[in-house]
């Protein structure tokens, strides 16, 4: 057992810490990025607030490019 951030983590192959930070976090960031891009495109389609469109698209693309692929 390894204690990390006050929690017991079993280190067996790719379990615990490695699974969380090398597989799940990039996967969730990629999904969040795709969601934000979709919401941004919807804002552009509706055409009410272009600032929201730019914010959603930039954030979604940044999540995909810098966090999920990096």
PDB file of N, CA and C in Angstrom:
ATOM      1  N   UNK A   1       0.835  -1.192   0.000  1.00  0.00           N
ATOM      2  CA  UNK A   1       0.000   0.000   0.000  1.00  0.00           C
ATOM      3  C   UNK A   1       0.876   1.251   0.000  1.00  0.00           C
ATOM      4  N   UNK A   2       0.410   2.214  -0.742  1.00  0.00           N
ATOM      5  CA  UNK A   2       1.102   3.486  -0.824  1.00  0.00           C
ATOM      6  C   UNK A   2       0.128   4.565  -0.379  1.00  0.00           C
ATOM      7  N   UNK A   3       0.613   5.489   0.429  1.00  0.00           N
ATOM      8  CA  UNK A   3      -0.229   6.592   0.864  1.00  0.00           C
ATOM      9  C   UNK A   3       0.043   7.800  -0.016  1.00  0.00           C
ATOM     10  N   UNK A   4      -1.011   8.285  -0.671  1.00  0.00           N
ATOM     11  CA  UNK A   4      -0.884   9.438  -1.532  1.00  0.00           C
ATOM     12  C   UNK A   4      -2.026  10.388  -1.214  1.00  0.00           C
ATOM     13  N   UNK A   5      -1.707  11.600  -0.819  1.00  0.00           N
ATOM     14  CA  UNK A   5      -2.691  12.610  -0.450  1.00  0.00           C
ATOM     15  C   UNK A   5      -3.574  12.116   0.693  1.00  0.00           C
ATOM     16  N   UNK A   6      -3.022  11.306   1.568  1.00  0.00           N
ATOM     17  CA  UNK A   6      -3.758  10.831   2.726  1.00  0.00           C
ATOM     18  C   UNK A   6      -4.646   9.638   2.469  1.00  0.00           C
ATOM     19  N   UNK A   7      -4.601   9.084   1.253  1.00  0.00           N
ATOM     20  CA  UNK A   7      -5.424   7.926   0.920  1.00  0.00           C
ATOM     21  C   UNK A   7      -4.531   6.732   0.641  1.00  0.00           C
ATOM     22  N   UNK A   8      -5.021   5.544   0.969  1.00  0.00           N
ATOM     23  CA  UNK A   8      -4.299   4.323   0.641  1.00  0.00           C
ATOM     24  C   UNK A   8      -4.562   3.974  -0.818  1.00  0.00           C
ATOM     25  N   UNK A   9      -3.492   3.745  -1.564  1.00  0.00           N
ATOM     26  CA  UNK A   9      -3.618   3.391  -2.970  1.00  0.00           C
ATOM     27  C   UNK A   9      -2.859   2.092  -3.200  1.00  0.00           C
ATOM     28  N   UNK A  10      -3.543   1.105  -3.723  1.00  0.00           N
ATOM     29  CA  UNK A  10      -2.892  -0.160  -4.049  1.00  0.00           C
ATOM     30  C   UNK A  10      -2.174  -0.008  -5.376  1.00  0.00           C
ATOM     31  N   UNK A  11      -0.899  -0.330  -5.404  1.00  0.00           N
ATOM     32  CA  UNK A  11      -0.113  -0.225  -6.623  1.00  0.00           C
ATOM     33  C   UNK A  11       0.035  -1.627  -7.199  1.00  0.00           C
ATOM     34  N   UNK A  12      -0.831  -1.939  -8.158  1.00  0.00           N
ATOM     35  CA  UNK A  12      -0.801  -3.233  -8.837  1.00  0.00           C
ATOM     36  C   UNK A  12      -0.866  -2.946 -10.321  1.00  0.00           C
ATOM     37  N   UNK A  13       0.229  -3.098 -11.009  1.00  0.00           N
ATOM     38  CA  UNK A  13       0.247  -2.852 -12.454  1.00  0.00           C
ATOM     39  C   UNK A  13      -0.136  -1.417 -12.767  1.00  0.00           C
ATOM     40  N   UNK A  14      -1.207  -1.259 -13.511  1.00  0.00           N
ATOM     41  CA  UNK A  14      -1.687   0.073 -13.857  1.00  0.00           C
ATOM     42  C   UNK A  14      -2.946   0.360 -13.055  1.00  0.00           C
ATOM     43  N   UNK A  15      -2.829   0.354 -11.769  1.00  0.00           N
ATOM     44  CA  UNK A  15      -3.973   0.621 -10.911  1.00  0.00           C
ATOM     45  C   UNK A  15      -3.766   1.885 -10.121  1.00  0.00           C
ATOM     46  N   UNK A  16      -4.798   2.361  -9.529  1.00  0.00           N
ATOM     47  CA  UNK A  16      -4.715   3.512  -8.626  1.00  0.00           C
ATOM     48  C   UNK A  16      -4.301   4.783  -9.313  1.00  0.00           C
ATOM     49  N   UNK A  17      -3.174   5.288  -8.908  1.00  0.00           N
ATOM     50  CA  UNK A  17      -2.677   6.593  -9.326  1.00  0.00           C
ATOM     51  C   UNK A  17      -2.438   6.666 -10.834  1.00  0.00           C
ATOM     52  N   UNK A  18      -1.795   5.638 -11.393  1.00  0.00           N
ATOM     53  CA  UNK A  18      -1.506   5.649 -12.828  1.00  0.00           C
ATOM     54  C   UNK A  18      -2.783   5.618 -13.645  1.00  0.00           C
ATOM     55  N   UNK A  19      -3.720   4.796 -13.242  1.00  0.00           N
ATOM     56  CA  UNK A  19      -4.995   4.706 -13.955  1.00  0.00           C
ATOM     57  C   UNK A  19      -5.709   6.045 -13.945  1.00  0.00           C
ATOM     58  N   UNK A  20      -5.699   6.709 -12.806  1.00  0.00           N
ATOM     59  CA  UNK A  20      -6.399   7.978 -12.672  1.00  0.00           C
ATOM     60  C   UNK A  20      -5.788   9.059 -13.550  1.00  0.00           C
ATOM     61  N   UNK A  21      -4.483   9.232 -13.490  1.00  0.00           N
ATOM     62  CA  UNK A  21      -3.867  10.376 -14.143  1.00  0.00           C
ATOM     63  C   UNK A  21      -3.437  10.139 -15.573  1.00  0.00           C
ATOM     64  N   UNK A  22      -3.265   8.910 -15.995  1.00  0.00           N
ATOM     65  CA  UNK A  22      -2.805   8.679 -17.356  1.00  0.00           C
ATOM     66  C   UNK A  22      -3.890   8.169 -18.283  1.00  0.00           C
ATOM     67  N   UNK A  23      -5.024   7.744 -17.741  1.00  0.00           N
ATOM     68  CA  UNK A  23      -6.099   7.235 -18.584  1.00  0.00           C
ATOM     69  C   UNK A  23      -7.391   8.014 -18.362  1.00  0.00           C
ATOM     70  N   UNK A  24      -7.849   8.092 -17.137  1.00  0.00           N
ATOM     71  CA  UNK A  24      -9.163   8.694 -16.886  1.00  0.00           C
ATOM     72  C   UNK A  24      -9.182  10.211 -17.052  1.00  0.00           C
ATOM     73  N   UNK A  25      -8.184  10.901 -16.549  1.00  0.00           N
ATOM     74  CA  UNK A  25      -8.183  12.367 -16.635  1.00  0.00           C
ATOM     75  C   UNK A  25      -8.125  12.841 -18.090  1.00  0.00           C
ATOM     76  N   UNK A  26      -7.221  12.320 -18.944  1.00  0.00           N
ATOM     77  CA  UNK A  26      -7.264  12.763 -20.350  1.00  0.00           C
ATOM     78  C   UNK A  26      -8.563  12.394 -21.056  1.00  0.00           C
ATOM     79  N   UNK A  27      -9.135  11.234 -20.717  1.00  0.00           N
ATOM     80  CA  UNK A  27     -10.400  10.835 -21.327  1.00  0.00           C
ATOM     81  C   UNK A  27     -11.522  11.800 -20.958  1.00  0.00           C
ATOM     82  N   UNK A  28     -11.616  12.136 -19.687  1.00  0.00           N
ATOM     83  CA  UNK A  28     -12.662  13.067 -19.227  1.00  0.00           C
ATOM     84  C   UNK A  28     -12.427  14.458 -19.819  1.00  0.00           C
ATOM     85  N   UNK A  29     -11.183  14.901 -19.895  1.00  0.00           N
ATOM     86  CA  UNK A  29     -10.890  16.212 -20.485  1.00  0.00           C
ATOM     87  C   UNK A  29     -11.259  16.238 -21.966  1.00  0.00           C
ATOM     88  N   UNK A  30     -11.007  15.135 -22.660  1.00  0.00           N
ATOM     89  CA  UNK A  30     -11.398  15.063 -24.069  1.00  0.00           C
ATOM     90  C   UNK A  30     -12.901  15.129 -24.245  1.00  0.00           C
ATOM     91  N   UNK A  31     -13.632  14.395 -23.397  1.00  0.00           N
ATOM     92  CA  UNK A  31     -15.096  14.448 -23.474  1.00  0.00           C
ATOM     93  C   UNK A  31     -15.619  15.845 -23.149  1.00  0.00           C
ATOM     94  N   UNK A  32     -15.042  16.478 -22.144  1.00  0.00           N
ATOM     95  CA  UNK A  32     -15.452  17.834 -21.793  1.00  0.00           C
ATOM     96  C   UNK A  32     -15.143  18.804 -22.930  1.00  0.00           C
ATOM     97  N   UNK A  33     -14.007  18.621 -23.588  1.00  0.00           N
ATOM     98  CA  UNK A  33     -13.656  19.472 -24.726  1.00  0.00           C
ATOM     99  C   UNK A  33     -14.631  19.315 -25.879  1.00  0.00           C
ATOM    100  N   UNK A  34     -15.000  18.075 -26.191  1.00  0.00           N
ATOM    101  CA  UNK A  34     -15.970  17.838 -27.267  1.00  0.00           C
ATOM    102  C   UNK A  34     -17.328  18.433 -26.903  1.00  0.00           C
ATOM    103  N   UNK A  35     -17.709  18.301 -25.632  1.00  0.00           N
ATOM    104  CA  UNK A  35     -18.973  18.893 -25.177  1.00  0.00           C
ATOM    105  C   UNK A  35     -18.954  20.412 -25.337  1.00  0.00           C
ATOM    106  N   UNK A  36     -17.863  21.047 -24.938  1.00  0.00           N
ATOM    107  CA  UNK A  36     -17.799  22.504 -25.044  1.00  0.00           C
ATOM    108  C   UNK A  36     -17.791  22.970 -26.499  1.00  0.00           C
ATOM    109  N   UNK A  37     -17.139  22.222 -27.372  1.00  0.00           N
ATOM    110  CA  UNK A  37     -17.171  22.568 -28.794  1.00  0.00           C
ATOM    111  C   UNK A  37     -18.593  22.447 -29.337  1.00  0.00           C
ATOM    112  N   UNK A  38     -19.307  21.402 -28.925  1.00  0.00           N
ATOM    113  CA  UNK A  38     -20.690  21.223 -29.366  1.00  0.00           C
ATOM    114  C   UNK A  38     -21.574  22.364 -28.878  1.00  0.00           C
ATOM    115  N   UNK A  39     -21.411  22.744 -27.620  1.00  0.00           N
ATOM    116  CA  UNK A  39     -22.191  23.866 -27.075  1.00  0.00           C
ATOM    117  C   UNK A  39     -21.827  25.164 -27.793  1.00  0.00           C
ATOM    118  N   UNK A  40     -20.539  25.343 -28.112  1.00  0.00           N
ATOM    119  CA  UNK A  40     -20.123  26.527 -28.851  1.00  0.00           C
ATOM    120  C   UNK A  40     -20.737  26.592 -30.239  1.00  0.00           C
ATOM    121  N   UNK A  41     -20.773  25.456 -30.925  1.00  0.00           N
ATOM    122  CA  UNK A  41     -21.404  25.436 -32.249  1.00  0.00           C
ATOM    123  C   UNK A  41     -22.902  25.696 -32.153  1.00  0.00           C
ATOM    124  N   UNK A  42     -23.518  25.224 -31.094  1.00  0.00           N
ATOM    125  CA  UNK A  42     -24.940  25.494 -30.898  1.00  0.00           C
ATOM    126  C   UNK A  42     -25.171  26.986 -30.656  1.00  0.00           C
ATOM    127  N   UNK A  43     -24.298  27.606 -29.881  1.00  0.00           N
ATOM    128  CA  UNK A  43     -24.414  29.059 -29.654  1.00  0.00           C
ATOM    129  C   UNK A  43     -24.259  29.820 -30.964  1.00  0.00           C
ATOM    130  N   UNK A  44     -23.340  29.371 -31.820  1.00  0.00           N
ATOM    131  CA  UNK A  44     -23.153  30.036 -33.107  1.00  0.00           C
ATOM    132  C   UNK A  44     -24.395  29.866 -33.977  1.00  0.00           C
ATOM    133  N   UNK A  45     -25.010  28.678 -33.913  1.00  0.00           N
ATOM    134  CA  UNK A  45     -26.220  28.419 -34.701  1.00  0.00           C
ATOM    135  C   UNK A  45     -27.374  29.306 -34.245  1.00  0.00           C
ATOM    136  N   UNK A  46     -27.522  29.427 -32.924  1.00  0.00           N
ATOM    137  CA  UNK A  46     -28.596  30.256 -32.391  1.00  0.00           C
ATOM    138  C   UNK A  46     -28.315  31.721 -32.707  1.00  0.00           C
ATOM    139  N   UNK A  47     -27.057  32.126 -32.611  1.00  0.00           N
ATOM    140  CA  UNK A  47     -26.646  33.467 -33.008  1.00  0.00           C
ATOM    141  C   UNK A  47     -26.973  34.562 -32.024  1.00  0.00           C
ATOM    142  N   UNK A  48     -27.099  34.233 -30.736  1.00  0.00           N
ATOM    143  CA  UNK A  48     -27.446  35.252 -29.751  1.00  0.00           C
ATOM    144  C   UNK A  48     -26.203  35.909 -29.169  1.00  0.00           C
ATOM    145  N   UNK A  49     -25.228  35.116 -28.769  1.00  0.00           N
ATOM    146  CA  UNK A  49     -24.070  35.664 -28.066  1.00  0.00           C
ATOM    147  C   UNK A  49     -22.787  35.086 -28.660  1.00  0.00           C
ATOM    148  N   UNK A  50     -22.105  35.888 -29.470  1.00  0.00           N
ATOM    149  CA  UNK A  50     -20.882  35.403 -30.115  1.00  0.00           C
ATOM    150  C   UNK A  50     -19.719  35.309 -29.129  1.00  0.00           C
ATOM    151  N   UNK A  51     -19.766  36.057 -28.051  1.00  0.00           N
ATOM    152  CA  UNK A  51     -18.694  35.960 -27.052  1.00  0.00           C
ATOM    153  C   UNK A  51     -18.729  34.597 -26.367  1.00  0.00           C
ATOM    154  N   UNK A  52     -19.926  34.096 -26.089  1.00  0.00           N
ATOM    155  CA  UNK A  52     -20.042  32.750 -25.519  1.00  0.00           C
ATOM    156  C   UNK A  52     -19.508  31.711 -26.497  1.00  0.00           C
ATOM    157  N   UNK A  53     -19.801  31.889 -27.781  1.00  0.00           N
ATOM    158  CA  UNK A  53     -19.307  30.962 -28.799  1.00  0.00           C
ATOM    159  C   UNK A  53     -17.782  30.911 -28.762  1.00  0.00           C
ATOM    160  N   UNK A  54     -17.155  32.066 -28.754  1.00  0.00           N
ATOM    161  CA  UNK A  54     -15.694  32.111 -28.749  1.00  0.00           C
ATOM    162  C   UNK A  54     -15.127  31.491 -27.477  1.00  0.00           C
ATOM    163  N   UNK A  55     -15.762  31.750 -26.347  1.00  0.00           N
ATOM    164  CA  UNK A  55     -15.294  31.193 -25.078  1.00  0.00           C
ATOM    165  C   UNK A  55     -15.411  29.678 -25.064  1.00  0.00           C
ATOM    166  N   UNK A  56     -16.559  29.155 -25.469  1.00  0.00           N
ATOM    167  CA  UNK A  56     -16.760  27.706 -25.470  1.00  0.00           C
ATOM    168  C   UNK A  56     -15.816  27.020 -26.453  1.00  0.00           C
ATOM    169  N   UNK A  57     -15.677  27.580 -27.650  1.00  0.00           N
ATOM    170  CA  UNK A  57     -14.819  26.948 -28.648  1.00  0.00           C
ATOM    171  C   UNK A  57     -13.362  26.969 -28.215  1.00  0.00           C
ATOM    172  N   UNK A  58     -12.889  28.104 -27.719  1.00  0.00           N
ATOM    173  CA  UNK A  58     -11.492  28.182 -27.296  1.00  0.00           C
ATOM    174  C   UNK A  58     -11.215  27.233 -26.143  1.00  0.00           C
ATOM    175  N   UNK A  59     -12.106  27.190 -25.167  1.00  0.00           N
ATOM    176  CA  UNK A  59     -11.907  26.306 -24.022  1.00  0.00           C
ATOM    177  C   UNK A  59     -11.955  24.843 -24.446  1.00  0.00           C
ATOM    178  N   UNK A  60     -12.903  24.485 -25.294  1.00  0.00           N
ATOM    179  CA  UNK A  60     -13.003  23.108 -25.769  1.00  0.00           C
ATOM    180  C   UNK A  60     -11.789  22.679 -26.575  1.00  0.00           C
ATOM    181  N   UNK A  61     -11.341  23.531 -27.472  1.00  0.00           N
ATOM    182  CA  UNK A  61     -10.165  23.200 -28.270  1.00  0.00           C
ATOM    183  C   UNK A  61      -8.913  23.129 -27.411  1.00  0.00           C
ATOM    184  N   UNK A  62      -8.789  24.026 -26.438  1.00  0.00           N
ATOM    185  CA  UNK A  62      -7.629  23.993 -25.546  1.00  0.00           C
ATOM    186  C   UNK A  62      -7.609  22.709 -24.726  1.00  0.00           C
ATOM    187  N   UNK A  63      -8.771  22.276 -24.243  1.00  0.00           N
ATOM    188  CA  UNK A  63      -8.826  21.032 -23.483  1.00  0.00           C
ATOM    189  C   UNK A  63      -8.415  19.847 -24.340  1.00  0.00           C
ATOM    190  N   UNK A  64      -8.883  19.802 -25.558  1.00  0.00           N
ATOM    191  CA  UNK A  64      -8.551  18.672 -26.422  1.00  0.00           C
ATOM    192  C   UNK A  64      -7.072  18.703 -26.820  1.00  0.00           C
ATOM    193  N   UNK A  65      -6.597  19.845 -27.259  1.00  0.00           N
ATOM    194  CA  UNK A  65      -5.230  19.919 -27.790  1.00  0.00           C
ATOM    195  C   UNK A  65      -4.188  19.834 -26.683  1.00  0.00           C
ATOM    196  N   UNK A  66      -4.331  20.634 -25.631  1.00  0.00           N
ATOM    197  CA  UNK A  66      -3.260  20.733 -24.642  1.00  0.00           C
ATOM    198  C   UNK A  66      -3.355  19.726 -23.518  1.00  0.00           C
ATOM    199  N   UNK A  67      -4.546  19.358 -23.100  1.00  0.00           N
ATOM    200  CA  UNK A  67      -4.654  18.449 -21.967  1.00  0.00           C
ATOM    201  C   UNK A  67      -4.857  16.998 -22.378  1.00  0.00           C
ATOM    202  N   UNK A  68      -5.773  16.752 -23.311  1.00  0.00           N
ATOM    203  CA  UNK A  68      -6.056  15.370 -23.671  1.00  0.00           C
ATOM    204  C   UNK A  68      -4.955  14.770 -24.554  1.00  0.00           C
ATOM    205  N   UNK A  69      -4.399  15.544 -25.441  1.00  0.00           N
ATOM    206  CA  UNK A  69      -3.374  15.010 -26.342  1.00  0.00           C
ATOM    207  C   UNK A  69      -1.968  15.152 -25.770  1.00  0.00           C
ATOM    208  N   UNK A  70      -1.795  16.010 -24.801  1.00  0.00           N
ATOM    209  CA  UNK A  70      -0.455  16.263 -24.254  1.00  0.00           C
ATOM    210  C   UNK A  70      -0.106  15.240 -23.285  1.00  0.00           C
TER     211      UNK A  70
END
